[in-house]
C-alpha atoms as a PDB file:
ATOM      1  CA  MET A   1      28.125 -50.011 189.655  1.00  0.00           C
ATOM      2  CA  LYS A   2      30.284 -47.846 187.386  1.00  0.00           C
ATOM      3  CA  VAL A   3      32.666 -45.422 189.126  1.00  0.00           C
ATOM      4  CA  LEU A   4      34.912 -42.681 187.742  1.00  0.00           C
ATOM      5  CA  LEU A   5      38.106 -42.054 189.729  1.00  0.00           C
ATOM      6  CA  LEU A   6      39.981 -38.769 189.560  1.00  0.00           C
ATOM      7  CA  ARG A   7      43.665 -38.874 190.437  1.00  0.00           C
ATOM      8  CA  LEU A   8      45.263 -36.815 187.715  1.00  0.00           C
ATOM      9  CA  SER A   9      48.901 -36.662 188.848  1.00  0.00           C
ATOM     10  CA  SER A  10      51.694 -36.875 189.844  1.00  0.00           C
ATOM     11  CA  MET A  11      53.385 -40.232 189.263  1.00  0.00           C
ATOM     12  CA  GLY A  12      53.900 -40.850 192.959  1.00  0.00           C
ATOM     13  CA  ASP A  13      50.305 -39.903 193.788  1.00  0.00           C
ATOM     14  CA  VAL A  14      48.983 -42.205 191.070  1.00  0.00           C
ATOM     15  CA  LEU A  15      51.091 -45.099 192.360  1.00  0.00           C
ATOM     16  CA  HIS A  16      50.042 -44.450 195.952  1.00  0.00           C
ATOM     17  CA  THR A  17      46.434 -44.911 194.821  1.00  0.00           C
ATOM     18  CA  LEU A  18      46.954 -48.408 193.389  1.00  0.00           C
ATOM     19  CA  PRO A  19      46.665 -50.320 196.707  1.00  0.00           C
ATOM     20  CA  ALA A  20      43.237 -48.712 197.237  1.00  0.00           C
ATOM     21  CA  VAL A  21      42.203 -49.910 193.778  1.00  0.00           C
ATOM     22  CA  THR A  22      43.336 -53.411 194.786  1.00  0.00           C
ATOM     23  CA  ASP A  23      41.187 -53.221 197.931  1.00  0.00           C
ATOM     24  CA  LEU A  24      38.204 -52.099 195.876  1.00  0.00           C
ATOM     25  CA  ARG A  25      38.600 -54.886 193.330  1.00  0.00           C
ATOM     26  CA  ARG A  26      38.654 -57.519 196.070  1.00  0.00           C
ATOM     27  CA  ALA A  27      35.862 -56.075 198.217  1.00  0.00           C
ATOM     28  CA  ARG A  28      33.552 -54.851 195.472  1.00  0.00           C
ATOM     29  CA  PRO A  29      33.911 -56.958 192.305  1.00  0.00           C
ATOM     30  CA  ASP A  30      30.641 -55.417 191.127  1.00  0.00           C
ATOM     31  CA  VAL A  31      32.371 -52.033 190.629  1.00  0.00           C
ATOM     32  CA  GLU A  32      33.648 -51.142 187.163  1.00  0.00           C
ATOM     33  CA  LEU A  33      36.359 -48.533 187.690  1.00  0.00           C
ATOM     34  CA  HIS A  34      37.379 -45.916 185.123  1.00  0.00           C
ATOM     35  CA  TRP A  35      40.306 -43.561 185.830  1.00  0.00           C
ATOM     36  CA  LEU A  36      40.733 -39.960 184.613  1.00  0.00           C
ATOM     37  CA  VAL A  37      44.462 -39.151 184.608  1.00  0.00           C
ATOM     38  CA  GLU A  38      47.130 -37.034 182.933  1.00  0.00           C
ATOM     39  CA  PRO A  39      48.394 -38.814 179.769  1.00  0.00           C
ATOM     40  CA  SER A  40      51.955 -38.962 181.167  1.00  0.00           C
ATOM     41  CA  PHE A  41      50.781 -41.382 183.850  1.00  0.00           C
ATOM     42  CA  ALA A  42      48.117 -43.311 181.960  1.00  0.00           C
ATOM     43  CA  ALA A  43      50.493 -46.220 181.392  1.00  0.00           C
ATOM     44  CA  ILE A  44      50.644 -46.800 185.154  1.00  0.00           C
ATOM     45  CA  THR A  45      46.879 -47.100 185.544  1.00  0.00           C
ATOM     46  CA  LEU A  46      46.746 -49.557 182.641  1.00  0.00           C
ATOM     47  CA  LEU A  47      49.107 -51.901 184.502  1.00  0.00           C
ATOM     48  CA  HIS A  48      46.526 -52.524 187.233  1.00  0.00           C
ATOM     49  CA  PRO A  49      43.951 -55.287 186.567  1.00  0.00           C
ATOM     50  CA  GLY A  50      41.271 -53.404 188.516  1.00  0.00           C
ATOM     51  CA  VAL A  51      41.074 -50.512 186.044  1.00  0.00           C
ATOM     52  CA  ALA A  52      38.552 -51.186 183.285  1.00  0.00           C
ATOM     53  CA  ARG A  53      39.212 -47.987 181.343  1.00  0.00           C
ATOM     54  CA  THR A  54      41.788 -45.204 181.465  1.00  0.00           C
ATOM     55  CA  ILE A  55      40.747 -41.748 180.266  1.00  0.00           C
ATOM     56  CA  PRO A  56      43.771 -39.523 179.559  1.00  0.00           C
ATOM     57  CA  PHE A  57      43.105 -35.788 179.798  1.00  0.00           C
ATOM     58  CA  PRO A  58      46.048 -33.360 179.346  1.00  0.00           C
ATOM     59  CA  LEU A  59      44.996 -30.603 181.734  1.00  0.00           C
ATOM     60  CA  ARG A  60      48.612 -29.510 182.237  1.00  0.00           C
ATOM     61  CA  ARG A  61      49.003 -28.884 178.527  1.00  0.00           C
ATOM     62  CA  TYR A  62      46.062 -26.506 178.506  1.00  0.00           C
ATOM     63  CA  ARG A  63      47.853 -24.166 180.904  1.00  0.00           C
ATOM     64  CA  LYS A  64      49.761 -22.965 177.845  1.00  0.00           C
ATOM     65  CA  GLN A  65      46.991 -23.662 175.324  1.00  0.00           C
ATOM     66  CA  TRP A  66      44.141 -22.245 177.401  1.00  0.00           C
ATOM     67  CA  ARG A  67      42.166 -21.089 174.360  1.00  0.00           C
ATOM     68  CA  ASP A  68      41.629 -24.748 173.475  1.00  0.00           C
ATOM     69  CA  LEU A  69      40.459 -25.679 176.967  1.00  0.00           C
ATOM     70  CA  PRO A  70      36.709 -24.907 176.683  1.00  0.00           C
ATOM     71  CA  ALA A  71      36.301 -27.165 173.633  1.00  0.00           C
ATOM     72  CA  ALA A  72      38.342 -29.909 175.297  1.00  0.00           C
ATOM     73  CA  LEU A  73      36.218 -29.716 178.449  1.00  0.00           C
ATOM     74  CA  TRP A  74      33.030 -29.918 176.397  1.00  0.00           C
ATOM     75  CA  ASP A  75      34.321 -33.035 174.621  1.00  0.00           C
ATOM     76  CA  LEU A  76      35.346 -34.564 177.948  1.00  0.00           C
ATOM     77  CA  ARG A  77      31.943 -33.823 179.465  1.00  0.00           C
ATOM     78  CA  ARG A  78      30.206 -35.523 176.552  1.00  0.00           C
ATOM     79  CA  ASP A  79      32.484 -38.573 176.792  1.00  0.00           C
ATOM     80  CA  LEU A  80      32.067 -38.943 180.562  1.00  0.00           C
ATOM     81  CA  ARG A  81      28.316 -38.532 180.567  1.00  0.00           C
ATOM     82  CA  ALA A  82      27.956 -41.095 177.803  1.00  0.00           C
ATOM     83  CA  GLU A  83      29.412 -43.663 180.222  1.00  0.00           C
ATOM     84  CA  GLY A  84      26.535 -43.236 182.677  1.00  0.00           C
ATOM     85  CA  TYR A  85      28.566 -43.242 185.890  1.00  0.00           C
ATOM     86  CA  ASP A  86      26.850 -44.018 189.158  1.00  0.00           C
ATOM     87  CA  ARG A  87      29.441 -42.162 191.198  1.00  0.00           C
ATOM     88  CA  VAL A  88      32.535 -39.999 190.768  1.00  0.00           C
ATOM     89  CA  LEU A  89      35.317 -40.215 193.369  1.00  0.00           C
ATOM     90  CA  ASP A  90      37.879 -37.408 193.580  1.00  0.00           C
ATOM     91  CA  ALA A  91      40.917 -38.847 195.360  1.00  0.00           C
ATOM     92  CA  GLN A  92      43.037 -35.742 194.755  1.00  0.00           C
ATOM     93  CA  GLY A  93      41.181 -33.061 196.696  1.00  0.00           C
ATOM     94  CA  LEU A  94      42.112 -30.113 194.484  1.00  0.00           C
ATOM     95  CA  TYR A  95      40.028 -27.461 192.720  1.00  0.00           C
ATOM     96  CA  LYS A  96      41.091 -28.784 189.312  1.00  0.00           C
ATOM     97  CA  SER A  97      40.111 -32.378 190.098  1.00  0.00           C
ATOM     98  CA  ALA A  98      36.825 -31.356 191.729  1.00  0.00           C
ATOM     99  CA  LEU A  99      35.868 -29.204 188.736  1.00  0.00           C
ATOM    100  CA  LEU A 100      36.632 -32.025 186.308  1.00  0.00           C
ATOM    101  CA  GLY A 101      34.690 -34.402 188.532  1.00  0.00           C
ATOM    102  CA  ARG A 102      31.568 -32.296 188.161  1.00  0.00           C
ATOM    103  CA  LEU A 103      31.667 -32.997 184.419  1.00  0.00           C
ATOM    104  CA  GLY A 104      30.915 -36.679 185.091  1.00  0.00           C
ATOM    105  CA  GLY A 105      27.193 -36.084 185.641  1.00  0.00           C
ATOM    106  CA  ALA A 106      27.017 -38.261 188.770  1.00  0.00           C
ATOM    107  CA  PRO A 107      27.261 -37.595 192.526  1.00  0.00           C
ATOM    108  CA  LEU A 108      30.781 -36.391 193.286  1.00  0.00           C
ATOM    109  CA  TRP A 109      32.358 -37.724 196.483  1.00  0.00           C
ATOM    110  CA  GLY A 110      35.706 -37.014 198.115  1.00  0.00           C
ATOM    111  CA  LEU A 111      37.583 -35.853 201.189  1.00  0.00           C
ATOM    112  CA  ASP A 112      36.137 -33.372 203.646  1.00  0.00           C
ATOM    113  CA  ALA A 113      37.532 -29.848 203.983  1.00  0.00           C
ATOM    114  CA  ALA A 114      39.861 -30.771 206.863  1.00  0.00           C
ATOM    115  CA  SER A 115      41.311 -33.718 204.935  1.00  0.00           C
ATOM    116  CA  ALA A 116      41.829 -32.297 201.422  1.00  0.00           C
ATOM    117  CA  ARG A 117      44.842 -30.351 200.244  1.00  0.00           C
ATOM    118  CA  GLU A 118      42.551 -27.576 198.979  1.00  0.00           C
ATOM    119  CA  GLY A 119      39.675 -27.567 201.437  1.00  0.00           C
ATOM    120  CA  GLY A 120      37.595 -25.104 199.439  1.00  0.00           C
ATOM    121  CA  ALA A 121      37.381 -27.565 196.559  1.00  0.00           C
ATOM    122  CA  THR A 122      35.256 -29.884 198.683  1.00  0.00           C
ATOM    123  CA  ARG A 123      32.315 -27.494 198.404  1.00  0.00           C
ATOM    124  CA  LEU A 124      31.821 -29.020 194.970  1.00  0.00           C
ATOM    125  CA  TYR A 125      31.318 -32.492 196.446  1.00  0.00           C
ATOM    126  CA  HIS A 126      27.951 -34.067 197.181  1.00  0.00           C
ATOM    127  CA  GLN A 127      29.389 -36.148 200.009  1.00  0.00           C
ATOM    128  CA  ARG A 128      32.592 -35.787 202.029  1.00  0.00           C
ATOM    129  CA  PHE A 129      34.658 -38.171 204.140  1.00  0.00           C
ATOM    130  CA  PRO A 130      37.213 -37.504 206.908  1.00  0.00           C
ATOM    131  CA  VAL A 131      40.662 -39.018 206.544  1.00  0.00           C
ATOM    132  CA  ALA A 132      43.249 -37.935 209.101  1.00  0.00           C
ATOM    133  CA  TRP A 133      46.559 -36.379 208.110  1.00  0.00           C
ATOM    134  CA  GLY A 134      49.831 -37.600 209.616  1.00  0.00           C
ATOM    135  CA  GLN A 135      49.742 -41.047 208.029  1.00  0.00           C
ATOM    136  CA  SER A 136      51.000 -42.536 204.779  1.00  0.00           C
ATOM    137  CA  ALA A 137      49.515 -41.425 201.465  1.00  0.00           C
ATOM    138  CA  ILE A 138      48.726 -45.068 200.701  1.00  0.00           C
ATOM    139  CA  GLY A 139      46.818 -45.440 203.970  1.00  0.00           C
ATOM    140  CA  ARG A 140      44.844 -42.248 203.366  1.00  0.00           C
ATOM    141  CA  ASN A 141      43.771 -43.438 199.916  1.00  0.00           C
ATOM    142  CA  ARG A 142      42.712 -46.838 201.254  1.00  0.00           C
ATOM    143  CA  GLN A 143      40.591 -45.205 203.935  1.00  0.00           C
ATOM    144  CA  LEU A 144      38.899 -42.841 201.483  1.00  0.00           C
ATOM    145  CA  PHE A 145      38.016 -45.655 199.083  1.00  0.00           C
ATOM    146  CA  ALA A 146      36.636 -47.863 201.845  1.00  0.00           C
ATOM    147  CA  GLN A 147      34.379 -45.106 203.188  1.00  0.00           C
ATOM    148  CA  ALA A 148      33.202 -43.803 199.824  1.00  0.00           C
ATOM    149  CA  LEU A 149      32.538 -47.205 198.272  1.00  0.00           C
ATOM    150  CA  ASP A 150      31.091 -48.865 201.353  1.00  0.00           C
ATOM    151  CA  TYR A 151      33.372 -51.724 202.373  1.00  0.00           C
ATOM    152  CA  SER A 152      35.448 -52.533 205.427  1.00  0.00           C
ATOM    153  CA  LEU A 153      39.040 -51.379 205.331  1.00  0.00           C
ATOM    154  CA  PRO A 154      41.214 -54.501 204.907  1.00  0.00           C
ATOM    155  CA  GLU A 155      43.797 -55.268 207.573  1.00  0.00           C
ATOM    156  CA  THR A 156      46.120 -56.774 204.961  1.00  0.00           C
ATOM    157  CA  PRO A 157      49.316 -54.955 203.884  1.00  0.00           C
ATOM    158  CA  PRO A 158      49.015 -52.670 200.832  1.00  0.00           C
ATOM    159  CA  ASP A 159      49.132 -54.503 197.502  1.00  0.00           C
ATOM    160  CA  TYR A 160      49.908 -52.678 194.238  1.00  0.00           C
ATOM    161  CA  ALA A 161      48.690 -55.760 192.310  1.00  0.00           C
ATOM    162  CA  LEU A 162      51.299 -55.332 189.583  1.00  0.00           C
ATOM    163  CA  GLN A 163      52.747 -58.855 189.740  1.00  0.00           C
ATOM    164  CA  ALA A 164      51.216 -59.869 186.408  1.00  0.00           C
ATOM    165  CA  ALA A 165      52.367 -56.622 184.797  1.00  0.00           C
ATOM    166  CA  SER A 166      55.899 -57.175 186.120  1.00  0.00           C
ATOM    167  CA  ALA A 167      56.011 -60.698 184.667  1.00  0.00           C
ATOM    168  CA  ARG A 168      54.696 -59.460 181.319  1.00  0.00           C
ATOM    169  CA  LEU A 169      57.234 -56.632 181.125  1.00  0.00           C
ATOM    170  CA  GLY A 170      60.039 -59.047 181.967  1.00  0.00           C
ATOM    171  CA  ALA A 171      59.028 -61.464 179.227  1.00  0.00           C
ATOM    172  CA  GLU A 172      58.779 -58.897 176.436  1.00  0.00           C
ATOM    173  CA  PRO A 173      61.908 -58.151 174.366  1.00  0.00           C
ATOM    174  CA  LEU A 174      63.501 -54.795 175.035  1.00  0.00           C
ATOM    175  CA  ALA A 175      63.404 -52.113 172.374  1.00  0.00           C
ATOM    176  CA  THR A 176      66.648 -50.756 170.903  1.00  0.00           C
ATOM    177  CA  PRO A 177      68.939 -49.491 172.457  1.00  0.00           C
ATOM    178  CA  TRP A 178      67.746 -50.920 175.759  1.00  0.00           C
ATOM    179  CA  GLY A 179      68.711 -54.525 175.010  1.00  0.00           C
ATOM    180  CA  GLY A 180      72.426 -53.815 175.198  1.00  0.00           C
ATOM    181  CA  LEU A 181      72.122 -52.149 178.593  1.00  0.00           C
ATOM    182  CA  VAL A 182      71.092 -55.285 180.457  1.00  0.00           C
ATOM    183  CA  GLN A 183      74.045 -57.498 179.489  1.00  0.00           C
ATOM    184  CA  GLN A 184      75.792 -56.555 182.751  1.00  0.00           C
ATOM    185  CA  PRO A 185      74.046 -56.498 186.158  1.00  0.00           C
ATOM    186  CA  PHE A 186      72.862 -52.979 186.941  1.00  0.00           C
ATOM    187  CA  VAL A 187      71.290 -50.747 189.546  1.00  0.00           C
ATOM    188  CA  LEU A 188      68.975 -47.910 188.537  1.00  0.00           C
ATOM    189  CA  GLY A 189      69.612 -44.457 190.001  1.00  0.00           C
ATOM    190  CA  PHE A 190      66.498 -42.273 190.081  1.00  0.00           C
ATOM    191  CA  HIS A 191      68.269 -38.956 190.473  1.00  0.00           C
ATOM    192  CA  GLY A 192      65.678 -36.532 189.074  1.00  0.00           C
ATOM    193  CA  THR A 193      62.810 -34.988 191.031  1.00  0.00           C
ATOM    194  CA  SER A 194      60.321 -32.147 190.727  1.00  0.00           C
ATOM    195  CA  TRP A 195      61.977 -30.426 193.715  1.00  0.00           C
ATOM    196  CA  GLU A 196      65.652 -29.504 193.478  1.00  0.00           C
ATOM    197  CA  SER A 197      65.774 -29.674 197.284  1.00  0.00           C
ATOM    198  CA  LYS A 198      65.170 -33.450 197.061  1.00  0.00           C
ATOM    199  CA  GLU A 199      68.142 -34.117 194.798  1.00  0.00           C
ATOM    200  CA  TRP A 200      71.170 -35.995 196.057  1.00  0.00           C
ATOM    201  CA  ARG A 201      74.520 -34.302 195.481  1.00  0.00           C
ATOM    202  CA  GLU A 202      75.897 -34.900 191.988  1.00  0.00           C
ATOM    203  CA  ASP A 203      79.329 -35.832 193.329  1.00  0.00           C
ATOM    204  CA  TYR A 204      77.818 -38.552 195.554  1.00  0.00           C
ATOM    205  CA  TRP A 205      76.514 -40.617 192.630  1.00  0.00           C
ATOM    206  CA  PRO A 206      79.991 -41.387 191.171  1.00  0.00           C
ATOM    207  CA  VAL A 207      81.181 -42.476 194.629  1.00  0.00           C
ATOM    208  CA  LEU A 208      78.280 -44.935 194.811  1.00  0.00           C
ATOM    209  CA  ALA A 209      79.018 -46.060 191.234  1.00  0.00           C
ATOM    210  CA  ASP A 210      82.613 -46.880 192.198  1.00  0.00           C
ATOM    211  CA  MET A 211      81.346 -49.008 195.084  1.00  0.00           C
ATOM    212  CA  LEU A 212      79.027 -50.833 192.682  1.00  0.00           C
ATOM    213  CA  GLN A 213      81.877 -51.403 190.238  1.00  0.00           C
ATOM    214  CA  ARG A 214      83.767 -53.401 192.852  1.00  0.00           C
ATOM    215  CA  VAL A 215      80.972 -56.009 192.810  1.00  0.00           C
ATOM    216  CA  GLY A 216      80.502 -55.964 189.026  1.00  0.00           C
ATOM    217  CA  VAL A 217      77.330 -53.872 188.934  1.00  0.00           C
ATOM    218  CA  ARG A 218      76.746 -50.853 186.689  1.00  0.00           C
ATOM    219  CA  LEU A 219      74.762 -47.701 187.570  1.00  0.00           C
ATOM    220  CA  LEU A 220      72.169 -46.542 185.005  1.00  0.00           C
ATOM    221  CA  LEU A 221      70.574 -43.093 185.287  1.00  0.00           C
ATOM    222  CA  PRO A 222      67.215 -42.483 183.543  1.00  0.00           C
ATOM    223  CA  SER A 223      65.897 -38.958 182.977  1.00  0.00           C
ATOM    224  CA  GLY A 224      62.503 -37.413 182.339  1.00  0.00           C
ATOM    225  CA  ASN A 225      63.377 -34.000 180.890  1.00  0.00           C
ATOM    226  CA  ALA A 226      66.238 -31.959 179.416  1.00  0.00           C
ATOM    227  CA  ARG A 227      67.442 -30.701 182.791  1.00  0.00           C
ATOM    228  CA  GLU A 228      67.658 -34.241 184.160  1.00  0.00           C
ATOM    229  CA  VAL A 229      69.418 -35.471 181.012  1.00  0.00           C
ATOM    230  CA  ALA A 230      72.099 -32.791 181.474  1.00  0.00           C
ATOM    231  CA  ARG A 231      72.455 -33.717 185.139  1.00  0.00           C
ATOM    232  CA  ALA A 232      72.807 -37.432 184.336  1.00  0.00           C
ATOM    233  CA  GLN A 233      75.465 -36.648 181.724  1.00  0.00           C
ATOM    234  CA  ARG A 234      77.455 -34.562 184.218  1.00  0.00           C
ATOM    235  CA  ILE A 235      77.347 -37.449 186.699  1.00  0.00           C
ATOM    236  CA  ALA A 236      78.338 -39.994 184.031  1.00  0.00           C
ATOM    237  CA  ALA A 237      81.328 -37.845 183.083  1.00  0.00           C
ATOM    238  CA  GLN A 238      82.730 -38.415 186.591  1.00  0.00           C
ATOM    239  CA  SER A 239      82.691 -42.244 186.506  1.00  0.00           C
ATOM    240  CA  ASP A 240      83.206 -44.886 183.849  1.00  0.00           C
ATOM    241  CA  ASN A 241      80.686 -47.075 185.713  1.00  0.00           C
ATOM    242  CA  VAL A 242      77.738 -44.731 185.076  1.00  0.00           C
ATOM    243  CA  THR A 243      75.514 -44.669 181.978  1.00  0.00           C
ATOM    244  CA  ALA A 244      73.218 -41.706 181.347  1.00  0.00           C
ATOM    245  CA  LEU A 245      70.232 -43.291 179.629  1.00  0.00           C
ATOM    246  CA  PRO A 246      68.587 -41.864 176.514  1.00  0.00           C
ATOM    247  CA  ALA A 247      65.049 -40.520 176.675  1.00  0.00           C
ATOM    248  CA  ALA A 248      62.470 -43.258 177.201  1.00  0.00           C
ATOM    249  CA  THR A 249      58.791 -43.885 177.703  1.00  0.00           C
ATOM    250  CA  LEU A 250      57.473 -44.883 181.095  1.00  0.00           C
ATOM    251  CA  LEU A 251      56.938 -48.445 179.873  1.00  0.00           C
ATOM    252  CA  ASP A 252      60.527 -48.601 178.569  1.00  0.00           C
ATOM    253  CA  ILE A 253      61.772 -47.675 182.033  1.00  0.00           C
ATOM    254  CA  ALA A 254      59.370 -50.165 183.623  1.00  0.00           C
ATOM    255  CA  ALA A 255      60.865 -52.876 181.400  1.00  0.00           C
ATOM    256  CA  LEU A 256      64.323 -51.953 182.722  1.00  0.00           C
ATOM    257  CA  ILE A 257      63.065 -51.900 186.291  1.00  0.00           C
ATOM    258  CA  VAL A 258      61.946 -55.525 186.199  1.00  0.00           C
ATOM    259  CA  ARG A 259      65.424 -56.522 184.969  1.00  0.00           C
ATOM    260  CA  ALA A 260      67.471 -54.481 187.465  1.00  0.00           C
ATOM    261  CA  LYS A 261      69.085 -55.832 190.631  1.00  0.00           C
ATOM    262  CA  ALA A 262      67.977 -52.871 192.776  1.00  0.00           C
ATOM    263  CA  PHE A 263      67.509 -49.109 192.728  1.00  0.00           C
ATOM    264  CA  VAL A 264      68.607 -46.035 194.632  1.00  0.00           C
ATOM    265  CA  GLY A 265      66.254 -43.110 194.308  1.00  0.00           C
ATOM    266  CA  MET A 266      65.019 -39.841 195.665  1.00  0.00           C
ATOM    267  CA  ASP A 267      61.435 -39.206 196.745  1.00  0.00           C
ATOM    268  CA  THR A 268      60.258 -39.343 193.146  1.00  0.00           C
ATOM    269  CA  GLY A 269      57.731 -41.197 191.042  1.00  0.00           C
ATOM    270  CA  LEU A 270      60.178 -43.668 189.485  1.00  0.00           C
ATOM    271  CA  SER A 271      61.265 -44.848 192.944  1.00  0.00           C
ATOM    272  CA  TYR A 272      57.656 -45.668 193.752  1.00  0.00           C
ATOM    273  CA  LEU A 273      57.104 -47.320 190.374  1.00  0.00           C
ATOM    274  CA  ALA A 274      60.121 -49.542 191.003  1.00  0.00           C
ATOM    275  CA  SER A 275      58.810 -50.427 194.462  1.00  0.00           C
ATOM    276  CA  ALA A 276      55.363 -51.205 193.068  1.00  0.00           C
ATOM    277  CA  LEU A 277      56.916 -53.531 190.469  1.00  0.00           C
ATOM    278  CA  GLY A 278      58.712 -55.417 193.228  1.00  0.00           C
ATOM    279  CA  LEU A 279      62.260 -54.095 192.801  1.00  0.00           C
ATOM    280  CA  ALA A 280      64.359 -53.870 195.963  1.00  0.00           C
ATOM    281  CA  GLY A 281      65.623 -50.389 196.675  1.00  0.00           C
ATOM    282  CA  VAL A 282      66.811 -47.559 198.861  1.00  0.00           C
ATOM    283  CA  THR A 283      64.869 -44.275 198.816  1.00  0.00           C
ATOM    284  CA  LEU A 284      66.415 -41.091 200.212  1.00  0.00           C
ATOM    285  CA  TYR A 285      64.334 -38.458 201.998  1.00  0.00           C
ATOM    286  CA  GLY A 286      65.529 -34.950 202.790  1.00  0.00           C
ATOM    287  CA  PRO A 287      62.839 -32.253 202.850  1.00  0.00           C
ATOM    288  CA  THR A 288      59.998 -34.801 202.774  1.00  0.00           C
ATOM    289  CA  ALA A 289      59.030 -37.368 205.408  1.00  0.00           C
ATOM    290  CA  HIS A 290      59.488 -41.079 204.755  1.00  0.00           C
ATOM    291  CA  THR A 291      56.715 -41.865 207.242  1.00  0.00           C
ATOM    292  CA  GLN A 292      54.131 -40.343 204.896  1.00  0.00           C
ATOM    293  CA  LEU A 293      55.542 -41.486 201.566  1.00  0.00           C
ATOM    294  CA  ALA A 294      57.651 -44.615 201.997  1.00  0.00           C
ATOM    295  CA  ALA A 295      56.860 -47.649 199.863  1.00  0.00           C
ATOM    296  CA  PHE A 296      55.904 -50.888 201.584  1.00  0.00           C
ATOM    297  CA  GLY A 297      57.797 -54.177 201.408  1.00  0.00           C
ATOM    298  CA  THR A 298      60.578 -56.052 203.128  1.00  0.00           C
ATOM    299  CA  ALA A 299      63.038 -55.160 200.375  1.00  0.00           C
ATOM    300  CA  GLN A 300      62.387 -51.411 200.648  1.00  0.00           C
ATOM    301  CA  ILE A 301      64.676 -49.253 202.776  1.00  0.00           C
ATOM    302  CA  SER A 302      63.944 -45.591 203.520  1.00  0.00           C
ATOM    303  CA  LEU A 303      66.759 -43.321 204.678  1.00  0.00           C
ATOM    304  CA  GLN A 304      65.722 -40.048 206.277  1.00  0.00           C
ATOM    305  CA  SER A 305      68.291 -37.274 206.498  1.00  0.00           C
ATOM    306  CA  PRO A 306      69.681 -36.882 210.043  1.00  0.00           C
ATOM    307  CA  GLU A 307      69.805 -33.091 209.717  1.00  0.00           C
ATOM    308  CA  VAL A 308      67.682 -31.343 212.355  1.00  0.00           C
ATOM    309  CA  CYS A 309      65.851 -29.377 209.642  1.00  0.00           C
ATOM    310  CA  SER A 310      64.636 -32.569 207.930  1.00  0.00           C
ATOM    311  CA  PRO A 311      61.852 -32.953 206.980  1.00  0.00           C
ATOM    312  CA  CYS A 312      60.878 -29.317 206.418  1.00  0.00           C
ATOM    313  CA  GLY A 313      58.325 -30.011 203.670  1.00  0.00           C
ATOM    314  CA  LYS A 314      59.642 -27.137 201.555  1.00  0.00           C
ATOM    315  CA  SER A 315      60.313 -27.384 197.830  1.00  0.00           C
ATOM    316  CA  GLN A 316      62.988 -24.674 198.156  1.00  0.00           C
ATOM    317  CA  CYS A 317      65.567 -24.930 200.911  1.00  0.00           C
ATOM    318  CA  PRO A 318      65.252 -21.811 203.134  1.00  0.00           C
ATOM    319  CA  LEU A 319      68.781 -22.064 204.583  1.00  0.00           C
ATOM    320  CA  PRO A 320      71.445 -19.575 203.409  1.00  0.00           C
ATOM    321  CA  GLU A 321      73.719 -22.421 202.233  1.00  0.00           C
ATOM    322  CA  ALA A 322      71.169 -23.236 199.505  1.00  0.00           C
ATOM    323  CA  LYS A 323      72.119 -20.043 197.650  1.00  0.00           C
ATOM    324  CA  ASN A 324      75.415 -21.758 196.853  1.00  0.00           C
ATOM    325  CA  GLY A 325      73.711 -24.976 195.807  1.00  0.00           C
ATOM    326  CA  LEU A 326      74.306 -26.766 199.115  1.00  0.00           C
ATOM    327  CA  ILE A 327      71.273 -28.665 200.438  1.00  0.00           C
ATOM    328  CA  LEU A 328      72.358 -29.750 203.901  1.00  0.00           C
ATOM    329  CA  CYS A 329      69.724 -32.443 204.406  1.00  0.00           C
ATOM    330  CA  GLN A 330      70.809 -34.245 201.247  1.00  0.00           C
ATOM    331  CA  GLN A 331      74.510 -33.774 201.937  1.00  0.00           C
ATOM    332  CA  ALA A 332      74.005 -35.577 205.246  1.00  0.00           C
ATOM    333  CA  LEU A 333      72.942 -38.769 203.426  1.00  0.00           C
ATOM    334  CA  ARG A 334      76.452 -40.022 202.646  1.00  0.00           C
ATOM    335  CA  PRO A 335      77.290 -42.545 199.881  1.00  0.00           C
ATOM    336  CA  GLU A 336      78.755 -44.915 202.494  1.00  0.00           C
ATOM    337  CA  GLN A 337      75.431 -44.979 204.357  1.00  0.00           C
ATOM    338  CA  VAL A 338      73.535 -45.665 201.136  1.00  0.00           C
ATOM    339  CA  TRP A 339      75.947 -48.465 200.212  1.00  0.00           C
ATOM    340  CA  THR A 340      75.504 -50.093 203.619  1.00  0.00           C
ATOM    341  CA  ALA A 341      71.744 -50.198 202.998  1.00  0.00           C
ATOM    342  CA  LEU A 342      72.002 -51.170 199.325  1.00  0.00           C
ATOM    343  CA  SER A 343      74.613 -53.925 199.310  1.00  0.00           C
ATOM    344  CA  PRO A 344      72.447 -56.608 201.018  1.00  0.00           C
ATOM    345  CA  LEU A 345      69.638 -55.861 198.535  1.00  0.00           C
ATOM    346  CA  LEU A 346      71.782 -56.746 195.545  1.00  0.00           C
ATOM    347  CA  GLU A 347      71.103 -60.399 196.349  1.00  0.00           C
ATOM    348  CA  HIS A 348      67.339 -59.830 196.386  1.00  0.00           C
ATOM    349  CA  ARG A 349      67.067 -60.545 192.657  1.00  0.00           C
ATOM    350  CA  SER A 350      69.379 -62.954 190.874  1.00  0.00           C
END
């Protein structure tokens, strides 16, 4: 059986789908899985041994280049239908993913209206499956896959199945200038997110860096866009133990991840990539709930803000203090608390 999977974005959502792909590979070795995804995240899908083909499609780009979209959709339709899929599975539950799924020329299956983020999109499906809210994103994906592709849901813990990819990334030489960054033990700080309300205070990072310096560990800050680069540079200017990293590809950062001692991160895709690659870490949650998003593993620690408003689920803080740049839920996660959680993890990887 040949199946097309739609999970276009974001990085965290793509990573949270990998354990379901692992389940599928073990339960249904007869299934050949292809994955339609935004090009920015295609490298992640290629790391998993259960993905036979990755099909990058830059739907986000066509928001600004919409005149080119009809021709691109026609080309995509031709490419997908040439594959002769037996089934298309939309694991995203959005109008955009459902519409692209219809191009595959095979029965389109996905969540039911009560389970999808955009319930109206499920009218485009040929078959729908209920998956309850209020549980982890990883668990929801595993349940959808098991129902749609007809196998029993495994009772085993989630497995990203990236062990081989982690070993390969660790064995490959680092590209310039990355090689010089790993001469001293380091922790990665994933400071950037798509929601400003998730960001940890800039003046907290140098405090953590000073704590790391006492044990001979440096703090490296990667960035994904110009705003994050500027933020990392402002943080680095406050401590001589912080390095703001130059722009890098996802695979470059993955190669650093497998060499790091640990990470501290927000609820952001790079935190989940690090967890999936087996790096010990501490993830901080303010407006979002760790119970729905936390990575699995004994070396993963999730810290939820103790503020009564957390988690609110809002991308913009509604409190009046936010007008002055003060996000109370993130302020409540103090550097000392993060250090208490992080310091035992520094021995997790020699």
